[in-house]
Amino acid sequence: MAVRIAKLVAFFSLLCMSTVFVAANSHTFARSLLPQELGLKKEKLSHLHFYFHDIVSGRNPTAVRVAEAKMTNSSATGFGAVVMIDDPLTEGPEMSSKENDVGLLMVQNYVFTEGKYNGSTLSVLGRNAVFSGVREMSIVGGSGLFRFARGYAQAKTHTMDRKTGDTVVNYNVYVFHY
C-alpha cells in the first residue's frame, strides 16, 4: 500500500510540473489589456508615510499571540503562531496621540440566495469603528454577477440593546461590477 501511494504522489508531482512547464511556455493563457478597454479612468498615485508602533512588552501590548502549534516555540521562524495586532499609526516616531476609539476588523461575505443576484457574493473588508455614526468599509471582490467587484459599504447602527448586545445595522453598499 505504501508503495502505491508513493507512486501516486510521484505521478501527481510529475503531472503538476508538466502542467506548469506547458503553461510557462504557452502565450495563449494570458493577454495584456488596456485599462480603457474596461472603462477605467486615469489612476492616481499617493504617497503615505507613517510610523507603526508594534508593542509586544509591558502592560498594554498592541500585538498578542492568541494561538500556536505544538512546534511553534522550537521553530526558528515562529511557524504556526497566530498573532492579533492593533498597532497605532502616527505621523512621527513618538506615541503622542491617544486613541479611545473601538474598532473591529470586519470580514464579511454577503451571499445572495434568491432574485437577480442569486448565487453571487460580495466580500467586505475593513475597519468598523462601531461607535461612529457611519462606518465605511471596502468591497474587495465578489463572485457570480459581482466578479471584479469594487466599491464600499456604509454601515450605520439602527438599533442596539446594550443589555443583550442585539444590534440591527443598516448597510448601504455601492459596488462597481460587470
N, C-alpha and C. Protein backbone atom coordinates (compact mmCIF):
# COMPACT_ATOMS: atom_id res chain seq x y z
N MET A 1 0.83 -1.20 0.00
CA MET A 1 0.00 0.00 0.00
C MET A 1 0.86 1.25 0.00
N ALA A 2 1.94 1.26 0.82
CA ALA A 2 2.81 2.44 0.90
C ALA A 2 3.49 2.68 -0.44
N VAL A 3 3.85 1.62 -1.15
CA VAL A 3 4.50 1.76 -2.45
C VAL A 3 3.54 2.39 -3.44
N ARG A 4 2.28 1.96 -3.44
CA ARG A 4 1.28 2.53 -4.35
C ARG A 4 1.11 4.04 -4.12
N ILE A 5 1.04 4.45 -2.87
CA ILE A 5 0.88 5.87 -2.54
C ILE A 5 2.08 6.65 -3.03
N ALA A 6 3.28 6.12 -2.83
CA ALA A 6 4.49 6.81 -3.28
C ALA A 6 4.48 6.98 -4.78
N LYS A 7 4.05 5.97 -5.53
CA LYS A 7 3.98 6.08 -6.99
C LYS A 7 2.94 7.11 -7.40
N LEU A 8 1.80 7.11 -6.71
CA LEU A 8 0.75 8.07 -7.00
C LEU A 8 1.22 9.49 -6.73
N VAL A 9 1.91 9.72 -5.63
CA VAL A 9 2.44 11.04 -5.31
C VAL A 9 3.46 11.46 -6.35
N ALA A 10 4.33 10.55 -6.75
CA ALA A 10 5.34 10.87 -7.77
C ALA A 10 4.66 11.23 -9.08
N PHE A 11 3.63 10.47 -9.47
CA PHE A 11 2.91 10.76 -10.71
C PHE A 11 2.23 12.12 -10.62
N PHE A 12 1.58 12.41 -9.49
CA PHE A 12 0.91 13.69 -9.31
C PHE A 12 1.91 14.84 -9.38
N SER A 13 3.07 14.68 -8.76
CA SER A 13 4.10 15.72 -8.81
C SER A 13 4.57 15.94 -10.23
N LEU A 14 4.77 14.86 -10.98
CA LEU A 14 5.20 14.97 -12.37
C LEU A 14 4.13 15.66 -13.20
N LEU A 15 2.87 15.31 -12.96
CA LEU A 15 1.76 15.92 -13.67
C LEU A 15 1.72 17.42 -13.40
N CYS A 16 1.87 17.83 -12.15
CA CYS A 16 1.85 19.25 -11.81
C CYS A 16 3.02 19.98 -12.45
N MET A 17 4.19 19.37 -12.42
CA MET A 17 5.35 20.02 -13.01
C MET A 17 5.18 20.17 -14.52
N SER A 18 4.63 19.17 -15.18
CA SER A 18 4.46 19.28 -16.62
C SER A 18 3.39 20.31 -16.96
N THR A 19 2.38 20.44 -16.13
CA THR A 19 1.35 21.44 -16.36
C THR A 19 1.95 22.84 -16.25
N VAL A 20 2.77 23.06 -15.25
CA VAL A 20 3.42 24.35 -15.09
C VAL A 20 4.35 24.61 -16.26
N PHE A 21 5.07 23.60 -16.69
CA PHE A 21 6.01 23.74 -17.81
C PHE A 21 5.27 24.13 -19.08
N VAL A 22 4.16 23.47 -19.37
CA VAL A 22 3.39 23.77 -20.57
C VAL A 22 2.85 25.19 -20.49
N ALA A 23 2.29 25.55 -19.33
CA ALA A 23 1.72 26.89 -19.19
C ALA A 23 2.79 27.96 -19.29
N ALA A 24 3.98 27.68 -18.77
CA ALA A 24 5.05 28.66 -18.82
C ALA A 24 5.52 28.91 -20.24
N ASN A 25 5.40 27.92 -21.11
CA ASN A 25 5.83 28.09 -22.49
C ASN A 25 4.70 28.49 -23.42
N SER A 26 3.51 28.63 -22.91
CA SER A 26 2.36 28.97 -23.72
C SER A 26 2.10 30.48 -23.62
N HIS A 27 1.76 31.08 -24.74
CA HIS A 27 1.47 32.52 -24.74
C HIS A 27 -0.03 32.78 -24.89
N THR A 28 -0.84 31.73 -24.85
CA THR A 28 -2.27 31.91 -25.05
C THR A 28 -3.05 31.99 -23.75
N PHE A 29 -2.43 31.74 -22.60
CA PHE A 29 -3.17 31.74 -21.34
C PHE A 29 -3.35 33.13 -20.77
N ALA A 30 -2.66 34.13 -21.32
CA ALA A 30 -2.78 35.49 -20.79
C ALA A 30 -2.63 36.49 -21.92
N ARG A 31 -3.22 37.64 -21.73
CA ARG A 31 -3.03 38.73 -22.68
C ARG A 31 -3.09 40.04 -21.94
N SER A 32 -2.46 41.04 -22.49
CA SER A 32 -2.47 42.37 -21.89
C SER A 32 -3.74 43.10 -22.29
N LEU A 33 -4.25 43.89 -21.36
CA LEU A 33 -5.43 44.71 -21.61
C LEU A 33 -5.10 46.16 -21.33
N LEU A 34 -5.68 47.04 -22.07
CA LEU A 34 -5.58 48.46 -21.76
C LEU A 34 -6.68 48.82 -20.77
N PRO A 35 -6.38 49.62 -19.76
CA PRO A 35 -7.42 49.99 -18.78
C PRO A 35 -8.65 50.59 -19.43
N GLN A 36 -8.47 51.33 -20.53
CA GLN A 36 -9.60 51.96 -21.21
C GLN A 36 -10.57 50.93 -21.78
N GLU A 37 -10.07 49.74 -22.13
CA GLU A 37 -10.93 48.68 -22.65
C GLU A 37 -11.95 48.23 -21.61
N LEU A 38 -11.62 48.41 -20.34
CA LEU A 38 -12.53 48.04 -19.25
C LEU A 38 -13.27 49.26 -18.70
N GLY A 39 -13.13 50.41 -19.34
CA GLY A 39 -13.81 51.62 -18.90
C GLY A 39 -13.16 52.28 -17.70
N LEU A 40 -11.89 51.96 -17.42
CA LEU A 40 -11.21 52.55 -16.27
C LEU A 40 -10.58 53.89 -16.64
N LYS A 41 -10.64 54.82 -15.72
CA LYS A 41 -10.07 56.16 -15.92
C LYS A 41 -8.62 56.19 -15.45
N LYS A 42 -8.00 57.35 -15.54
CA LYS A 42 -6.62 57.51 -15.12
C LYS A 42 -6.48 57.29 -13.62
N GLU A 43 -5.50 56.49 -13.24
CA GLU A 43 -5.26 56.22 -11.83
C GLU A 43 -4.43 57.34 -11.22
N LYS A 44 -4.55 57.48 -9.89
CA LYS A 44 -3.76 58.46 -9.14
C LYS A 44 -2.75 57.70 -8.29
N LEU A 45 -1.63 58.33 -8.03
CA LEU A 45 -0.61 57.77 -7.16
C LEU A 45 -0.48 58.65 -5.94
N SER A 46 -0.64 58.06 -4.75
CA SER A 46 -0.49 58.81 -3.49
C SER A 46 0.63 58.18 -2.68
N HIS A 47 1.41 59.01 -1.99
CA HIS A 47 2.46 58.53 -1.10
C HIS A 47 1.99 58.75 0.33
N LEU A 48 1.94 57.68 1.11
CA LEU A 48 1.56 57.76 2.51
C LEU A 48 2.79 57.46 3.35
N HIS A 49 2.96 58.20 4.45
CA HIS A 49 4.12 57.99 5.32
C HIS A 49 3.65 58.05 6.76
N PHE A 50 3.94 56.99 7.53
CA PHE A 50 3.54 56.96 8.92
C PHE A 50 4.44 56.00 9.68
N TYR A 51 4.30 56.01 11.01
CA TYR A 51 5.04 55.10 11.89
C TYR A 51 4.07 54.11 12.50
N PHE A 52 4.47 52.87 12.54
CA PHE A 52 3.68 51.74 13.00
C PHE A 52 4.26 51.31 14.34
N HIS A 53 3.51 51.40 15.43
CA HIS A 53 4.02 51.10 16.78
C HIS A 53 3.60 49.68 17.18
N ASP A 54 4.53 48.75 17.09
CA ASP A 54 4.28 47.36 17.42
C ASP A 54 4.84 47.08 18.81
N ILE A 55 3.98 47.03 19.81
CA ILE A 55 4.41 46.90 21.20
C ILE A 55 4.06 45.50 21.68
N VAL A 56 5.09 44.70 22.00
CA VAL A 56 4.86 43.32 22.44
C VAL A 56 5.18 43.11 23.92
N SER A 57 5.64 44.16 24.61
CA SER A 57 6.01 44.04 26.02
C SER A 57 5.19 45.00 26.86
N GLY A 58 5.31 44.87 28.18
CA GLY A 58 4.65 45.80 29.09
C GLY A 58 3.21 45.44 29.38
N ARG A 59 2.52 46.40 30.04
CA ARG A 59 1.13 46.17 30.47
C ARG A 59 0.13 46.28 29.33
N ASN A 60 0.44 47.05 28.29
CA ASN A 60 -0.52 47.29 27.21
C ASN A 60 0.07 46.95 25.85
N PRO A 61 0.34 45.68 25.59
CA PRO A 61 0.89 45.33 24.29
C PRO A 61 -0.13 45.57 23.18
N THR A 62 0.36 45.83 21.98
CA THR A 62 -0.52 46.01 20.83
C THR A 62 -0.50 44.78 19.93
N ALA A 63 0.36 43.80 20.24
CA ALA A 63 0.43 42.55 19.49
C ALA A 63 0.45 41.40 20.51
N VAL A 64 -0.48 40.47 20.37
CA VAL A 64 -0.62 39.38 21.33
C VAL A 64 -0.79 38.06 20.57
N ARG A 65 0.00 37.04 20.95
CA ARG A 65 -0.16 35.72 20.37
C ARG A 65 -1.43 35.10 20.95
N VAL A 66 -2.34 34.67 20.06
CA VAL A 66 -3.61 34.10 20.51
C VAL A 66 -3.70 32.60 20.26
N ALA A 67 -2.81 32.05 19.44
CA ALA A 67 -2.79 30.60 19.18
C ALA A 67 -1.41 30.23 18.66
N GLU A 68 -1.08 28.94 18.83
CA GLU A 68 0.20 28.46 18.33
C GLU A 68 0.12 26.96 18.12
N ALA A 69 1.03 26.43 17.30
CA ALA A 69 1.15 24.99 17.09
C ALA A 69 2.08 24.42 18.16
N LYS A 70 2.09 23.11 18.29
CA LYS A 70 2.96 22.48 19.28
C LYS A 70 4.43 22.81 19.03
N MET A 71 4.80 22.96 17.76
CA MET A 71 6.21 23.18 17.44
C MET A 71 6.59 24.65 17.27
N THR A 72 5.67 25.57 17.52
CA THR A 72 5.94 26.99 17.29
C THR A 72 7.15 27.49 18.07
N ASN A 73 7.23 27.19 19.35
CA ASN A 73 8.33 27.72 20.18
C ASN A 73 9.68 27.14 19.82
N SER A 74 9.72 25.97 19.17
CA SER A 74 11.00 25.39 18.75
C SER A 74 11.34 25.75 17.30
N SER A 75 10.45 26.44 16.63
CA SER A 75 10.68 26.83 15.23
C SER A 75 11.53 28.10 15.17
N ALA A 76 12.50 28.11 14.28
CA ALA A 76 13.35 29.30 14.12
C ALA A 76 12.56 30.50 13.60
N THR A 77 11.45 30.24 12.92
CA THR A 77 10.66 31.32 12.33
C THR A 77 9.37 31.61 13.08
N GLY A 78 9.07 30.87 14.15
CA GLY A 78 7.80 31.05 14.86
C GLY A 78 6.63 30.50 14.08
N PHE A 79 6.90 29.55 13.19
CA PHE A 79 5.86 28.97 12.34
C PHE A 79 4.70 28.43 13.18
N GLY A 80 3.49 28.77 12.78
CA GLY A 80 2.30 28.31 13.47
C GLY A 80 1.71 29.32 14.43
N ALA A 81 2.40 30.41 14.68
CA ALA A 81 1.88 31.43 15.60
C ALA A 81 0.80 32.26 14.92
N VAL A 82 -0.27 32.52 15.65
CA VAL A 82 -1.32 33.43 15.19
C VAL A 82 -1.31 34.61 16.16
N VAL A 83 -1.07 35.81 15.62
CA VAL A 83 -0.93 37.00 16.45
C VAL A 83 -1.99 38.02 16.03
N MET A 84 -2.68 38.57 17.00
CA MET A 84 -3.63 39.66 16.74
C MET A 84 -2.90 40.97 17.03
N ILE A 85 -3.03 41.93 16.11
CA ILE A 85 -2.29 43.18 16.21
C ILE A 85 -3.26 44.36 16.12
N ASP A 86 -3.09 45.31 17.00
CA ASP A 86 -3.86 46.56 16.98
C ASP A 86 -2.86 47.69 17.20
N ASP A 87 -2.00 47.88 16.21
CA ASP A 87 -0.90 48.84 16.33
C ASP A 87 -1.32 50.24 15.91
N PRO A 88 -1.04 51.23 16.77
CA PRO A 88 -1.34 52.62 16.39
C PRO A 88 -0.41 53.10 15.27
N LEU A 89 -0.94 53.97 14.43
CA LEU A 89 -0.15 54.64 13.40
C LEU A 89 -0.05 56.10 13.77
N THR A 90 1.16 56.67 13.69
CA THR A 90 1.35 58.09 14.00
C THR A 90 2.13 58.76 12.88
N GLU A 91 2.03 60.07 12.82
CA GLU A 91 2.77 60.83 11.81
C GLU A 91 4.26 60.85 12.10
N GLY A 92 4.64 60.87 13.36
CA GLY A 92 6.04 60.88 13.76
C GLY A 92 6.36 59.65 14.58
N PRO A 93 7.62 59.48 14.97
CA PRO A 93 8.01 58.28 15.70
C PRO A 93 7.56 58.27 17.16
N GLU A 94 7.09 59.40 17.71
CA GLU A 94 6.64 59.45 19.11
C GLU A 94 5.19 59.02 19.21
N MET A 95 4.85 58.37 20.32
CA MET A 95 3.46 57.99 20.59
C MET A 95 2.78 59.14 21.31
N SER A 96 2.49 60.23 20.60
CA SER A 96 1.97 61.42 21.27
C SER A 96 0.46 61.51 21.26
N SER A 97 -0.20 60.77 20.41
CA SER A 97 -1.66 60.88 20.38
C SER A 97 -2.30 59.69 21.07
N LYS A 98 -3.43 59.94 21.69
CA LYS A 98 -4.17 58.90 22.39
C LYS A 98 -5.31 58.43 21.50
N GLU A 99 -5.68 57.17 21.64
CA GLU A 99 -6.79 56.64 20.86
C GLU A 99 -7.76 55.95 21.81
N ASN A 100 -8.99 56.44 21.84
CA ASN A 100 -10.02 55.85 22.70
C ASN A 100 -11.16 55.25 21.90
N ASP A 101 -10.91 55.00 20.64
CA ASP A 101 -11.93 54.50 19.74
C ASP A 101 -11.93 52.98 19.73
N VAL A 102 -13.11 52.38 19.60
CA VAL A 102 -13.23 50.93 19.48
C VAL A 102 -13.49 50.63 18.01
N GLY A 103 -12.73 49.72 17.46
CA GLY A 103 -12.93 49.34 16.06
C GLY A 103 -12.75 47.84 15.90
N LEU A 104 -13.53 47.28 15.01
CA LEU A 104 -13.45 45.86 14.71
C LEU A 104 -12.92 45.67 13.30
N LEU A 105 -12.19 44.60 13.09
CA LEU A 105 -11.83 44.22 11.72
C LEU A 105 -13.01 43.41 11.20
N MET A 106 -13.67 43.93 10.19
CA MET A 106 -14.82 43.24 9.63
C MET A 106 -14.40 42.50 8.37
N VAL A 107 -14.67 41.23 8.34
CA VAL A 107 -14.51 40.41 7.15
C VAL A 107 -15.87 39.78 6.93
N GLN A 108 -16.55 40.20 5.89
CA GLN A 108 -17.92 39.73 5.66
C GLN A 108 -18.04 39.23 4.22
N ASN A 109 -18.83 38.21 4.05
CA ASN A 109 -19.22 37.76 2.72
C ASN A 109 -20.74 37.78 2.65
N TYR A 110 -21.27 38.61 1.77
CA TYR A 110 -22.71 38.64 1.56
C TYR A 110 -23.02 37.60 0.49
N VAL A 111 -23.87 36.66 0.82
CA VAL A 111 -24.24 35.59 -0.10
C VAL A 111 -25.70 35.80 -0.49
N PHE A 112 -25.96 35.96 -1.79
CA PHE A 112 -27.32 36.20 -2.27
C PHE A 112 -27.94 34.86 -2.65
N THR A 113 -29.10 34.56 -2.10
CA THR A 113 -29.70 33.24 -2.29
C THR A 113 -30.99 33.26 -3.11
N GLU A 114 -31.38 34.42 -3.61
CA GLU A 114 -32.54 34.49 -4.48
C GLU A 114 -32.52 35.79 -5.26
N GLY A 115 -33.40 35.91 -6.22
CA GLY A 115 -33.51 37.13 -7.01
C GLY A 115 -32.42 37.25 -8.06
N LYS A 116 -32.26 38.44 -8.58
CA LYS A 116 -31.33 38.72 -9.67
C LYS A 116 -29.90 38.29 -9.35
N TYR A 117 -29.45 38.44 -8.11
CA TYR A 117 -28.06 38.16 -7.74
C TYR A 117 -27.89 36.77 -7.12
N ASN A 118 -28.88 35.89 -7.25
CA ASN A 118 -28.83 34.55 -6.68
C ASN A 118 -27.53 33.83 -7.08
N GLY A 119 -26.82 33.31 -6.07
CA GLY A 119 -25.57 32.59 -6.32
C GLY A 119 -24.34 33.48 -6.34
N SER A 120 -24.51 34.77 -6.26
CA SER A 120 -23.39 35.70 -6.27
C SER A 120 -23.00 36.08 -4.84
N THR A 121 -21.78 36.56 -4.68
CA THR A 121 -21.31 37.00 -3.37
C THR A 121 -20.60 38.34 -3.49
N LEU A 122 -20.54 39.07 -2.38
CA LEU A 122 -19.74 40.28 -2.24
C LEU A 122 -18.87 40.11 -1.01
N SER A 123 -17.61 40.52 -1.10
CA SER A 123 -16.68 40.42 0.03
C SER A 123 -16.33 41.80 0.54
N VAL A 124 -16.51 41.99 1.86
CA VAL A 124 -16.25 43.27 2.51
C VAL A 124 -15.10 43.09 3.49
N LEU A 125 -14.19 44.05 3.51
CA LEU A 125 -13.06 44.01 4.43
C LEU A 125 -12.76 45.42 4.88
N GLY A 126 -12.63 45.64 6.18
CA GLY A 126 -12.26 46.97 6.65
C GLY A 126 -12.47 47.15 8.14
N ARG A 127 -12.11 48.32 8.59
CA ARG A 127 -12.25 48.69 9.99
C ARG A 127 -13.66 49.22 10.23
N ASN A 128 -14.29 48.70 11.25
CA ASN A 128 -15.63 49.13 11.61
C ASN A 128 -15.55 49.78 12.99
N ALA A 129 -15.49 51.10 13.02
CA ALA A 129 -15.47 51.86 14.28
C ALA A 129 -16.90 51.89 14.80
N VAL A 130 -17.28 50.88 15.56
CA VAL A 130 -18.67 50.60 15.90
C VAL A 130 -19.42 51.73 16.59
N PHE A 131 -18.72 52.63 17.28
CA PHE A 131 -19.42 53.72 17.96
C PHE A 131 -19.49 54.99 17.13
N SER A 132 -19.00 54.96 15.90
CA SER A 132 -19.12 56.10 14.98
C SER A 132 -20.50 56.05 14.33
N GLY A 133 -20.99 57.21 13.93
CA GLY A 133 -22.31 57.27 13.31
C GLY A 133 -22.40 56.43 12.05
N VAL A 134 -21.51 56.67 11.10
CA VAL A 134 -21.46 55.90 9.85
C VAL A 134 -20.05 55.39 9.67
N ARG A 135 -19.95 54.11 9.35
CA ARG A 135 -18.64 53.50 9.11
C ARG A 135 -18.55 53.08 7.65
N GLU A 136 -17.36 53.20 7.08
CA GLU A 136 -17.16 52.84 5.68
C GLU A 136 -16.12 51.74 5.57
N MET A 137 -16.46 50.69 4.82
CA MET A 137 -15.56 49.56 4.60
C MET A 137 -15.49 49.25 3.12
N SER A 138 -14.41 48.63 2.70
CA SER A 138 -14.16 48.37 1.28
C SER A 138 -14.85 47.10 0.80
N ILE A 139 -15.36 47.16 -0.43
CA ILE A 139 -15.75 45.96 -1.15
C ILE A 139 -14.48 45.51 -1.86
N VAL A 140 -14.02 44.31 -1.55
CA VAL A 140 -12.73 43.86 -2.10
C VAL A 140 -12.87 42.78 -3.16
N GLY A 141 -14.08 42.44 -3.51
CA GLY A 141 -14.27 41.44 -4.56
C GLY A 141 -15.64 40.81 -4.48
N GLY A 142 -15.81 39.81 -5.30
CA GLY A 142 -17.08 39.11 -5.33
C GLY A 142 -17.02 37.95 -6.31
N SER A 143 -18.17 37.29 -6.46
CA SER A 143 -18.26 36.18 -7.41
C SER A 143 -19.59 36.27 -8.12
N GLY A 144 -19.76 35.42 -9.13
CA GLY A 144 -21.00 35.43 -9.90
C GLY A 144 -21.16 36.74 -10.63
N LEU A 145 -22.32 37.38 -10.47
CA LEU A 145 -22.54 38.67 -11.12
C LEU A 145 -21.68 39.78 -10.55
N PHE A 146 -21.03 39.52 -9.42
CA PHE A 146 -20.16 40.52 -8.79
C PHE A 146 -18.66 40.23 -9.01
N ARG A 147 -18.32 39.47 -10.05
CA ARG A 147 -16.90 39.28 -10.38
C ARG A 147 -16.28 40.64 -10.64
N PHE A 148 -15.06 40.83 -10.21
CA PHE A 148 -14.32 42.09 -10.35
C PHE A 148 -14.96 43.23 -9.57
N ALA A 149 -15.77 42.93 -8.58
CA ALA A 149 -16.46 43.97 -7.81
C ALA A 149 -15.47 44.81 -7.02
N ARG A 150 -15.80 46.08 -6.90
CA ARG A 150 -15.07 47.01 -6.03
C ARG A 150 -16.05 48.10 -5.65
N GLY A 151 -15.80 48.68 -4.49
CA GLY A 151 -16.69 49.73 -4.02
C GLY A 151 -16.57 49.88 -2.53
N TYR A 152 -17.68 50.28 -1.90
CA TYR A 152 -17.64 50.45 -0.45
C TYR A 152 -19.02 50.19 0.14
N ALA A 153 -18.99 49.87 1.44
CA ALA A 153 -20.21 49.64 2.20
C ALA A 153 -20.22 50.65 3.34
N GLN A 154 -21.36 51.27 3.56
CA GLN A 154 -21.54 52.16 4.69
C GLN A 154 -22.47 51.49 5.70
N ALA A 155 -22.00 51.42 6.93
CA ALA A 155 -22.78 50.79 7.99
C ALA A 155 -23.21 51.86 8.99
N LYS A 156 -24.46 51.78 9.42
CA LYS A 156 -24.98 52.70 10.42
C LYS A 156 -25.86 51.89 11.38
N THR A 157 -25.58 52.00 12.68
CA THR A 157 -26.35 51.25 13.66
C THR A 157 -27.78 51.79 13.68
N HIS A 158 -28.75 50.90 13.50
CA HIS A 158 -30.16 51.26 13.51
C HIS A 158 -30.69 51.16 14.95
N THR A 159 -30.49 50.00 15.56
CA THR A 159 -30.86 49.82 16.97
C THR A 159 -29.82 48.94 17.65
N MET A 160 -29.64 49.19 18.97
CA MET A 160 -28.72 48.35 19.73
C MET A 160 -29.23 48.24 21.16
N ASP A 161 -29.35 47.02 21.64
CA ASP A 161 -29.76 46.75 23.02
C ASP A 161 -28.48 46.51 23.82
N ARG A 162 -28.05 47.49 24.61
CA ARG A 162 -26.80 47.38 25.36
C ARG A 162 -26.82 46.25 26.39
N LYS A 163 -28.01 45.87 26.82
CA LYS A 163 -28.11 44.78 27.80
C LYS A 163 -27.82 43.42 27.16
N THR A 164 -28.41 43.16 25.99
CA THR A 164 -28.24 41.86 25.34
C THR A 164 -27.14 41.87 24.29
N GLY A 165 -26.82 43.05 23.76
CA GLY A 165 -25.86 43.14 22.66
C GLY A 165 -26.50 42.97 21.30
N ASP A 166 -27.81 42.69 21.26
CA ASP A 166 -28.50 42.54 19.98
C ASP A 166 -28.48 43.87 19.24
N THR A 167 -28.13 43.82 17.97
CA THR A 167 -27.95 45.03 17.19
C THR A 167 -28.52 44.84 15.78
N VAL A 168 -29.13 45.87 15.24
CA VAL A 168 -29.56 45.90 13.84
C VAL A 168 -28.76 47.00 13.17
N VAL A 169 -28.07 46.65 12.09
CA VAL A 169 -27.21 47.60 11.39
C VAL A 169 -27.73 47.79 9.97
N ASN A 170 -27.85 49.04 9.56
CA ASN A 170 -28.29 49.41 8.22
C ASN A 170 -27.05 49.50 7.32
N TYR A 171 -27.02 48.74 6.23
CA TYR A 171 -25.90 48.78 5.28
C TYR A 171 -26.34 49.37 3.96
N ASN A 172 -25.59 50.32 3.44
CA ASN A 172 -25.73 50.82 2.09
C ASN A 172 -24.46 50.44 1.36
N VAL A 173 -24.61 49.66 0.29
CA VAL A 173 -23.46 49.14 -0.44
C VAL A 173 -23.46 49.72 -1.84
N TYR A 174 -22.34 50.28 -2.22
CA TYR A 174 -22.16 50.87 -3.55
C TYR A 174 -21.07 50.06 -4.23
N VAL A 175 -21.41 49.40 -5.32
CA VAL A 175 -20.50 48.44 -5.92
C VAL A 175 -20.42 48.59 -7.43
N PHE A 176 -19.20 48.66 -7.95
CA PHE A 176 -18.96 48.59 -9.39
C PHE A 176 -18.82 47.12 -9.76
N HIS A 177 -19.50 46.68 -10.79
CA HIS A 177 -19.36 45.30 -11.25
C HIS A 177 -19.78 45.26 -12.72
N TYR A 178 -19.59 44.11 -13.32
CA TYR A 178 -19.90 43.97 -14.75
C TYR A 178 -21.12 43.11 -14.93
